[in-house]
Amino acid sequence: MKNFVAYFVDALVIVTCSILFLLLPVFMLACIIIEYKWIAVLCIAAFLAVVTIVAVILKKKDKLRKEKERQALK
């Protein structure tokens, strides 16, 4: 049950970040077009934060997978 909750939370974060990953560039371009440049800068910062969060989660999952493979070989 503990693993299910952890996987569910990870999946929820990845799905949410993926949606933001797709929507932020569109919103950023719209802000640039209508000349709200400071909002566009915030969008760029949020976009980079989303990419960083997803990268950290995927790196953690890869590390856990490698650890399980190493344990299985012993």
PDB file of N, CA and C in Angstrom:
ATOM      1  N   MET A   1       0.824  -1.195   0.000  1.00  0.00           N
ATOM      2  CA  MET A   1       0.000   0.000   0.000  1.00  0.00           C
ATOM      3  C   MET A   1       0.870   1.261   0.000  1.00  0.00           C
ATOM      4  N   LYS A   2       1.980   1.188   0.747  1.00  0.00           N
ATOM      5  CA  LYS A   2       2.885   2.330   0.816  1.00  0.00           C
ATOM      6  C   LYS A   2       3.479   2.632  -0.562  1.00  0.00           C
ATOM      7  N   ASN A   3       3.860   1.575  -1.298  1.00  0.00           N
ATOM      8  CA  ASN A   3       4.408   1.766  -2.640  1.00  0.00           C
ATOM      9  C   ASN A   3       3.363   2.337  -3.583  1.00  0.00           C
ATOM     10  N   PHE A   4       2.111   1.883  -3.432  1.00  0.00           N
ATOM     11  CA  PHE A   4       1.044   2.386  -4.296  1.00  0.00           C
ATOM     12  C   PHE A   4       0.877   3.887  -4.126  1.00  0.00           C
ATOM     13  N   VAL A   5       0.868   4.354  -2.882  1.00  0.00           N
ATOM     14  CA  VAL A   5       0.713   5.785  -2.622  1.00  0.00           C
ATOM     15  C   VAL A   5       1.893   6.556  -3.201  1.00  0.00           C
ATOM     16  N   ALA A   6       3.096   6.037  -3.034  1.00  0.00           N
ATOM     17  CA  ALA A   6       4.284   6.713  -3.571  1.00  0.00           C
ATOM     18  C   ALA A   6       4.230   6.788  -5.091  1.00  0.00           C
ATOM     19  N   TYR A   7       3.852   5.674  -5.736  1.00  0.00           N
ATOM     20  CA  TYR A   7       3.746   5.680  -7.196  1.00  0.00           C
ATOM     21  C   TYR A   7       2.615   6.593  -7.666  1.00  0.00           C
ATOM     22  N   PHE A   8       1.510   6.614  -6.924  1.00  0.00           N
ATOM     23  CA  PHE A   8       0.388   7.471  -7.297  1.00  0.00           C
ATOM     24  C   PHE A   8       0.781   8.942  -7.216  1.00  0.00           C
ATOM     25  N   VAL A   9       1.471   9.316  -6.143  1.00  0.00           N
ATOM     26  CA  VAL A   9       1.910  10.708  -5.989  1.00  0.00           C
ATOM     27  C   VAL A   9       2.904  11.072  -7.084  1.00  0.00           C
ATOM     28  N   ASP A  10       3.846  10.184  -7.371  1.00  0.00           N
ATOM     29  CA  ASP A  10       4.808  10.445  -8.452  1.00  0.00           C
ATOM     30  C   ASP A  10       4.097  10.602  -9.791  1.00  0.00           C
ATOM     31  N   ALA A  11       3.148   9.726 -10.061  1.00  0.00           N
ATOM     32  CA  ALA A  11       2.411   9.808 -11.324  1.00  0.00           C
ATOM     33  C   ALA A  11       1.612  11.103 -11.397  1.00  0.00           C
ATOM     34  N   LEU A  12       1.001  11.490 -10.296  1.00  0.00           N
ATOM     35  CA  LEU A  12       0.226  12.725 -10.264  1.00  0.00           C
ATOM     36  C   LEU A  12       1.112  13.937 -10.520  1.00  0.00           C
ATOM     37  N   VAL A  13       2.287  13.959  -9.905  1.00  0.00           N
ATOM     38  CA  VAL A  13       3.221  15.071 -10.113  1.00  0.00           C
ATOM     39  C   VAL A  13       3.689  15.106 -11.564  1.00  0.00           C
ATOM     40  N   ILE A  14       4.008  13.950 -12.128  1.00  0.00           N
ATOM     41  CA  ILE A  14       4.493  13.909 -13.508  1.00  0.00           C
ATOM     42  C   ILE A  14       3.405  14.346 -14.480  1.00  0.00           C
ATOM     43  N   VAL A  15       2.171  13.907 -14.270  1.00  0.00           N
ATOM     44  CA  VAL A  15       1.076  14.310 -15.160  1.00  0.00           C
ATOM     45  C   VAL A  15       0.828  15.811 -15.049  1.00  0.00           C
ATOM     46  N   THR A  16       0.798  16.324 -13.827  1.00  0.00           N
ATOM     47  CA  THR A  16       0.585  17.759 -13.632  1.00  0.00           C
ATOM     48  C   THR A  16       1.711  18.566 -14.270  1.00  0.00           C
ATOM     49  N   CYS A  17       2.938  18.136 -14.066  1.00  0.00           N
ATOM     50  CA  CYS A  17       4.081  18.836 -14.656  1.00  0.00           C
ATOM     51  C   CYS A  17       4.049  18.758 -16.177  1.00  0.00           C
ATOM     52  N   SER A  18       3.605  17.637 -16.712  1.00  0.00           N
ATOM     53  CA  SER A  18       3.522  17.500 -18.164  1.00  0.00           C
ATOM     54  C   SER A  18       2.503  18.469 -18.745  1.00  0.00           C
ATOM     55  N   ILE A  19       1.365  18.602 -18.073  1.00  0.00           N
ATOM     56  CA  ILE A  19       0.351  19.550 -18.540  1.00  0.00           C
ATOM     57  C   ILE A  19       0.903  20.966 -18.485  1.00  0.00           C
ATOM     58  N   LEU A  20       1.559  21.317 -17.376  1.00  0.00           N
ATOM     59  CA  LEU A  20       2.163  22.642 -17.270  1.00  0.00           C
ATOM     60  C   LEU A  20       3.257  22.835 -18.310  1.00  0.00           C
ATOM     61  N   PHE A  21       4.012  21.772 -18.561  1.00  0.00           N
ATOM     62  CA  PHE A  21       5.089  21.813 -19.547  1.00  0.00           C
ATOM     63  C   PHE A  21       4.540  22.184 -20.921  1.00  0.00           C
ATOM     64  N   LEU A  22       3.337  21.709 -21.242  1.00  0.00           N
ATOM     65  CA  LEU A  22       2.728  22.010 -22.535  1.00  0.00           C
ATOM     66  C   LEU A  22       2.059  23.377 -22.558  1.00  0.00           C
ATOM     67  N   LEU A  23       1.465  23.796 -21.450  1.00  0.00           N
ATOM     68  CA  LEU A  23       0.701  25.038 -21.438  1.00  0.00           C
ATOM     69  C   LEU A  23       1.545  26.290 -21.200  1.00  0.00           C
ATOM     70  N   LEU A  24       2.623  26.175 -20.441  1.00  0.00           N
ATOM     71  CA  LEU A  24       3.410  27.365 -20.115  1.00  0.00           C
ATOM     72  C   LEU A  24       4.018  28.063 -21.331  1.00  0.00           C
ATOM     73  N   PRO A  25       4.601  27.338 -22.298  1.00  0.00           N
ATOM     74  CA  PRO A  25       5.146  28.058 -23.462  1.00  0.00           C
ATOM     75  C   PRO A  25       4.078  28.810 -24.251  1.00  0.00           C
ATOM     76  N   VAL A  26       2.885  28.230 -24.357  1.00  0.00           N
ATOM     77  CA  VAL A  26       1.790  28.901 -25.069  1.00  0.00           C
ATOM     78  C   VAL A  26       1.398  30.171 -24.321  1.00  0.00           C
ATOM     79  N   PHE A  27       1.242  30.065 -23.019  1.00  0.00           N
ATOM     80  CA  PHE A  27       0.892  31.229 -22.208  1.00  0.00           C
ATOM     81  C   PHE A  27       1.991  32.282 -22.263  1.00  0.00           C
ATOM     82  N   MET A  28       3.249  31.829 -22.259  1.00  0.00           N
ATOM     83  CA  MET A  28       4.382  32.746 -22.322  1.00  0.00           C
ATOM     84  C   MET A  28       4.371  33.532 -23.637  1.00  0.00           C
ATOM     85  N   LEU A  29       4.138  32.839 -24.744  1.00  0.00           N
ATOM     86  CA  LEU A  29       4.079  33.523 -26.039  1.00  0.00           C
ATOM     87  C   LEU A  29       2.923  34.509 -26.096  1.00  0.00           C
ATOM     88  N   ALA A  30       1.787  34.128 -25.528  1.00  0.00           N
ATOM     89  CA  ALA A  30       0.647  35.044 -25.496  1.00  0.00           C
ATOM     90  C   ALA A  30       0.980  36.295 -24.692  1.00  0.00           C
ATOM     91  N   CYS A  31       1.683  36.130 -23.585  1.00  0.00           N
ATOM     92  CA  CYS A  31       2.064  37.284 -22.762  1.00  0.00           C
ATOM     93  C   CYS A  31       3.052  38.190 -23.490  1.00  0.00           C
ATOM     94  N   ILE A  32       3.956  37.592 -24.258  1.00  0.00           N
ATOM     95  CA  ILE A  32       4.906  38.401 -25.027  1.00  0.00           C
ATOM     96  C   ILE A  32       4.166  39.184 -26.104  1.00  0.00           C
ATOM     97  N   ILE A  33       3.209  38.527 -26.759  1.00  0.00           N
ATOM     98  CA  ILE A  33       2.458  39.187 -27.829  1.00  0.00           C
ATOM     99  C   ILE A  33       1.654  40.366 -27.285  1.00  0.00           C
ATOM    100  N   ILE A  34       1.018  40.187 -26.118  1.00  0.00           N
ATOM    101  CA  ILE A  34       0.210  41.285 -25.580  1.00  0.00           C
ATOM    102  C   ILE A  34       1.010  42.182 -24.628  1.00  0.00           C
ATOM    103  N   GLU A  35       2.313  42.019 -24.647  1.00  0.00           N
ATOM    104  CA  GLU A  35       3.267  42.898 -23.983  1.00  0.00           C
ATOM    105  C   GLU A  35       3.203  42.879 -22.460  1.00  0.00           C
ATOM    106  N   TYR A  36       2.929  41.724 -21.881  1.00  0.00           N
ATOM    107  CA  TYR A  36       3.095  41.540 -20.443  1.00  0.00           C
ATOM    108  C   TYR A  36       4.389  40.765 -20.240  1.00  0.00           C
ATOM    109  N   LYS A  37       5.493  41.449 -20.444  1.00  0.00           N
ATOM    110  CA  LYS A  37       6.782  40.764 -20.451  1.00  0.00           C
ATOM    111  C   LYS A  37       7.169  40.212 -19.077  1.00  0.00           C
ATOM    112  N   TRP A  38       6.765  40.866 -18.008  1.00  0.00           N
ATOM    113  CA  TRP A  38       7.125  40.360 -16.675  1.00  0.00           C
ATOM    114  C   TRP A  38       6.410  39.050 -16.382  1.00  0.00           C
ATOM    115  N   ILE A  39       5.190  38.881 -16.905  1.00  0.00           N
ATOM    116  CA  ILE A  39       4.494  37.600 -16.743  1.00  0.00           C
ATOM    117  C   ILE A  39       5.200  36.532 -17.571  1.00  0.00           C
ATOM    118  N   ALA A  40       5.695  36.910 -18.733  1.00  0.00           N
ATOM    119  CA  ALA A  40       6.436  35.959 -19.567  1.00  0.00           C
ATOM    120  C   ALA A  40       7.702  35.486 -18.850  1.00  0.00           C
ATOM    121  N   VAL A  41       8.367  36.390 -18.143  1.00  0.00           N
ATOM    122  CA  VAL A  41       9.560  36.000 -17.381  1.00  0.00           C
ATOM    123  C   VAL A  41       9.183  35.016 -16.272  1.00  0.00           C
ATOM    124  N   LEU A  42       8.063  35.256 -15.605  1.00  0.00           N
ATOM    125  CA  LEU A  42       7.590  34.314 -14.587  1.00  0.00           C
ATOM    126  C   LEU A  42       7.257  32.962 -15.205  1.00  0.00           C
ATOM    127  N   CYS A  43       6.707  32.970 -16.418  1.00  0.00           N
ATOM    128  CA  CYS A  43       6.398  31.717 -17.109  1.00  0.00           C
ATOM    129  C   CYS A  43       7.673  30.942 -17.432  1.00  0.00           C
ATOM    130  N   ILE A  44       8.702  31.656 -17.847  1.00  0.00           N
ATOM    131  CA  ILE A  44       9.975  30.988 -18.134  1.00  0.00           C
ATOM    132  C   ILE A  44      10.521  30.349 -16.855  1.00  0.00           C
ATOM    133  N   ALA A  45      10.442  31.071 -15.750  1.00  0.00           N
ATOM    134  CA  ALA A  45      10.915  30.526 -14.473  1.00  0.00           C
ATOM    135  C   ALA A  45      10.096  29.298 -14.070  1.00  0.00           C
ATOM    136  N   ALA A  46       8.786  29.367 -14.240  1.00  0.00           N
ATOM    137  CA  ALA A  46       7.932  28.225 -13.905  1.00  0.00           C
ATOM    138  C   ALA A  46       8.223  27.044 -14.822  1.00  0.00           C
ATOM    139  N   PHE A  47       8.449  27.326 -16.089  1.00  0.00           N
ATOM    140  CA  PHE A  47       8.770  26.283 -17.065  1.00  0.00           C
ATOM    141  C   PHE A  47      10.051  25.553 -16.658  1.00  0.00           C
ATOM    142  N   LEU A  48      11.068  26.313 -16.283  1.00  0.00           N
ATOM    143  CA  LEU A  48      12.326  25.705 -15.844  1.00  0.00           C
ATOM    144  C   LEU A  48      12.145  24.921 -14.545  1.00  0.00           C
ATOM    145  N   ALA A  49      11.293  25.416 -13.660  1.00  0.00           N
ATOM    146  CA  ALA A  49      11.024  24.692 -12.417  1.00  0.00           C
ATOM    147  C   ALA A  49      10.340  23.359 -12.704  1.00  0.00           C
ATOM    148  N   VAL A  50       9.395  23.362 -13.631  1.00  0.00           N
ATOM    149  CA  VAL A  50       8.691  22.131 -13.999  1.00  0.00           C
ATOM    150  C   VAL A  50       9.671  21.125 -14.583  1.00  0.00           C
ATOM    151  N   VAL A  51      10.530  21.573 -15.473  1.00  0.00           N
ATOM    152  CA  VAL A  51      11.520  20.682 -16.081  1.00  0.00           C
ATOM    153  C   VAL A  51      12.441  20.103 -15.005  1.00  0.00           C
ATOM    154  N   THR A  52      12.854  20.931 -14.061  1.00  0.00           N
ATOM    155  CA  THR A  52      13.727  20.469 -12.987  1.00  0.00           C
ATOM    156  C   THR A  52      13.033  19.436 -12.104  1.00  0.00           C
ATOM    157  N   ILE A  53      11.780  19.680 -11.753  1.00  0.00           N
ATOM    158  CA  ILE A  53      11.034  18.741 -10.909  1.00  0.00           C
ATOM    159  C   ILE A  53      10.904  17.390 -11.591  1.00  0.00           C
ATOM    160  N   VAL A  54      10.533  17.398 -12.865  1.00  0.00           N
ATOM    161  CA  VAL A  54      10.383  16.139 -13.598  1.00  0.00           C
ATOM    162  C   VAL A  54      11.728  15.421 -13.701  1.00  0.00           C
ATOM    163  N   ALA A  55      12.795  16.157 -13.957  1.00  0.00           N
ATOM    164  CA  ALA A  55      14.118  15.537 -14.063  1.00  0.00           C
ATOM    165  C   ALA A  55      14.536  14.896 -12.742  1.00  0.00           C
ATOM    166  N   VAL A  56      14.274  15.560 -11.629  1.00  0.00           N
ATOM    167  CA  VAL A  56      14.633  15.005 -10.318  1.00  0.00           C
ATOM    168  C   VAL A  56      13.837  13.738 -10.038  1.00  0.00           C
ATOM    169  N   ILE A  57      12.542  13.758 -10.342  1.00  0.00           N
ATOM    170  CA  ILE A  57      11.711  12.569 -10.106  1.00  0.00           C
ATOM    171  C   ILE A  57      12.182  11.409 -10.970  1.00  0.00           C
ATOM    172  N   LEU A  58      12.451  11.674 -12.240  1.00  0.00           N
ATOM    173  CA  LEU A  58      12.897  10.600 -13.126  1.00  0.00           C
ATOM    174  C   LEU A  58      14.266  10.065 -12.709  1.00  0.00           C
ATOM    175  N   LYS A  59      15.142  10.937 -12.244  1.00  0.00           N
ATOM    176  CA  LYS A  59      16.460  10.491 -11.777  1.00  0.00           C
ATOM    177  C   LYS A  59      16.319   9.615 -10.538  1.00  0.00           C
ATOM    178  N   LYS A  60      15.418  10.009  -9.632  1.00  0.00           N
ATOM    179  CA  LYS A  60      15.182   9.220  -8.424  1.00  0.00           C
ATOM    180  C   LYS A  60      14.629   7.844  -8.783  1.00  0.00           C
ATOM    181  N   LYS A  61      13.694   7.799  -9.716  1.00  0.00           N
ATOM    182  CA  LYS A  61      13.117   6.522 -10.139  1.00  0.00           C
ATOM    183  C   LYS A  61      14.180   5.630 -10.786  1.00  0.00           C
ATOM    184  N   ASP A  62      15.051   6.222 -11.596  1.00  0.00           N
ATOM    185  CA  ASP A  62      16.107   5.448 -12.238  1.00  0.00           C
ATOM    186  C   ASP A  62      17.080   4.898 -11.192  1.00  0.00           C
ATOM    187  N   LYS A  63      17.395   5.704 -10.194  1.00  0.00           N
ATOM    188  CA  LYS A  63      18.293   5.258  -9.130  1.00  0.00           C
ATOM    189  C   LYS A  63      17.673   4.092  -8.361  1.00  0.00           C
ATOM    190  N   LEU A  64      16.379   4.189  -8.063  1.00  0.00           N
ATOM    191  CA  LEU A  64      15.696   3.097  -7.362  1.00  0.00           C
ATOM    192  C   LEU A  64      15.656   1.831  -8.209  1.00  0.00           C
ATOM    193  N   ARG A  65      15.438   1.995  -9.514  1.00  0.00           N
ATOM    194  CA  ARG A  65      15.401   0.836 -10.408  1.00  0.00           C
ATOM    195  C   ARG A  65      16.760   0.144 -10.444  1.00  0.00           C
ATOM    196  N   LYS A  66      17.828   0.929 -10.540  1.00  0.00           N
ATOM    197  CA  LYS A  66      19.171   0.349 -10.555  1.00  0.00           C
ATOM    198  C   LYS A  66      19.491  -0.351  -9.239  1.00  0.00           C
ATOM    199  N   GLU A  67      19.040   0.240  -8.129  1.00  0.00           N
ATOM    200  CA  GLU A  67      19.266  -0.377  -6.823  1.00  0.00           C
ATOM    201  C   GLU A  67      18.532  -1.716  -6.726  1.00  0.00           C
ATOM    202  N   LYS A  68      17.305  -1.782  -7.225  1.00  0.00           N
ATOM    203  CA  LYS A  68      16.549  -3.036  -7.209  1.00  0.00           C
ATOM    204  C   LYS A  68      17.217  -4.085  -8.087  1.00  0.00           C
ATOM    205  N   GLU A  69      17.741  -3.665  -9.242  1.00  0.00           N
ATOM    206  CA  GLU A  69      18.440  -4.610 -10.121  1.00  0.00           C
ATOM    207  C   GLU A  69      19.693  -5.146  -9.438  1.00  0.00           C
ATOM    208  N   ARG A  70      20.411  -4.279  -8.740  1.00  0.00           N
ATOM    209  CA  ARG A  70      21.617  -4.703  -8.042  1.00  0.00           C
ATOM    210  C   ARG A  70      21.271  -5.674  -6.910  1.00  0.00           C
ATOM    211  N   GLN A  71      20.180  -5.407  -6.212  1.00  0.00           N
ATOM    212  CA  GLN A  71      19.742  -6.305  -5.137  1.00  0.00           C
ATOM    213  C   GLN A  71      19.315  -7.658  -5.703  1.00  0.00           C
ATOM    214  N   ALA A  72      18.691  -7.643  -6.885  1.00  0.00           N
ATOM    215  CA  ALA A  72      18.232  -8.891  -7.499  1.00  0.00           C
ATOM    216  C   ALA A  72      19.414  -9.755  -7.938  1.00  0.00           C
ATOM    217  N   LEU A  73      20.528  -9.124  -8.309  1.00  0.00           N
ATOM    218  CA  LEU A  73      21.698  -9.879  -8.754  1.00  0.00           C
ATOM    219  C   LEU A  73      22.430 -10.549  -7.597  1.00  0.00           C
ATOM    220  N   LYS A  74      22.248 -10.047  -6.397  1.00  0.00           N
ATOM    221  CA  LYS A  74      22.964 -10.608  -5.231  1.00  0.00           C
ATOM    222  C   LYS A  74      22.368 -11.912  -4.782  1.00  0.00           C
TER     223      LYS A  74
END
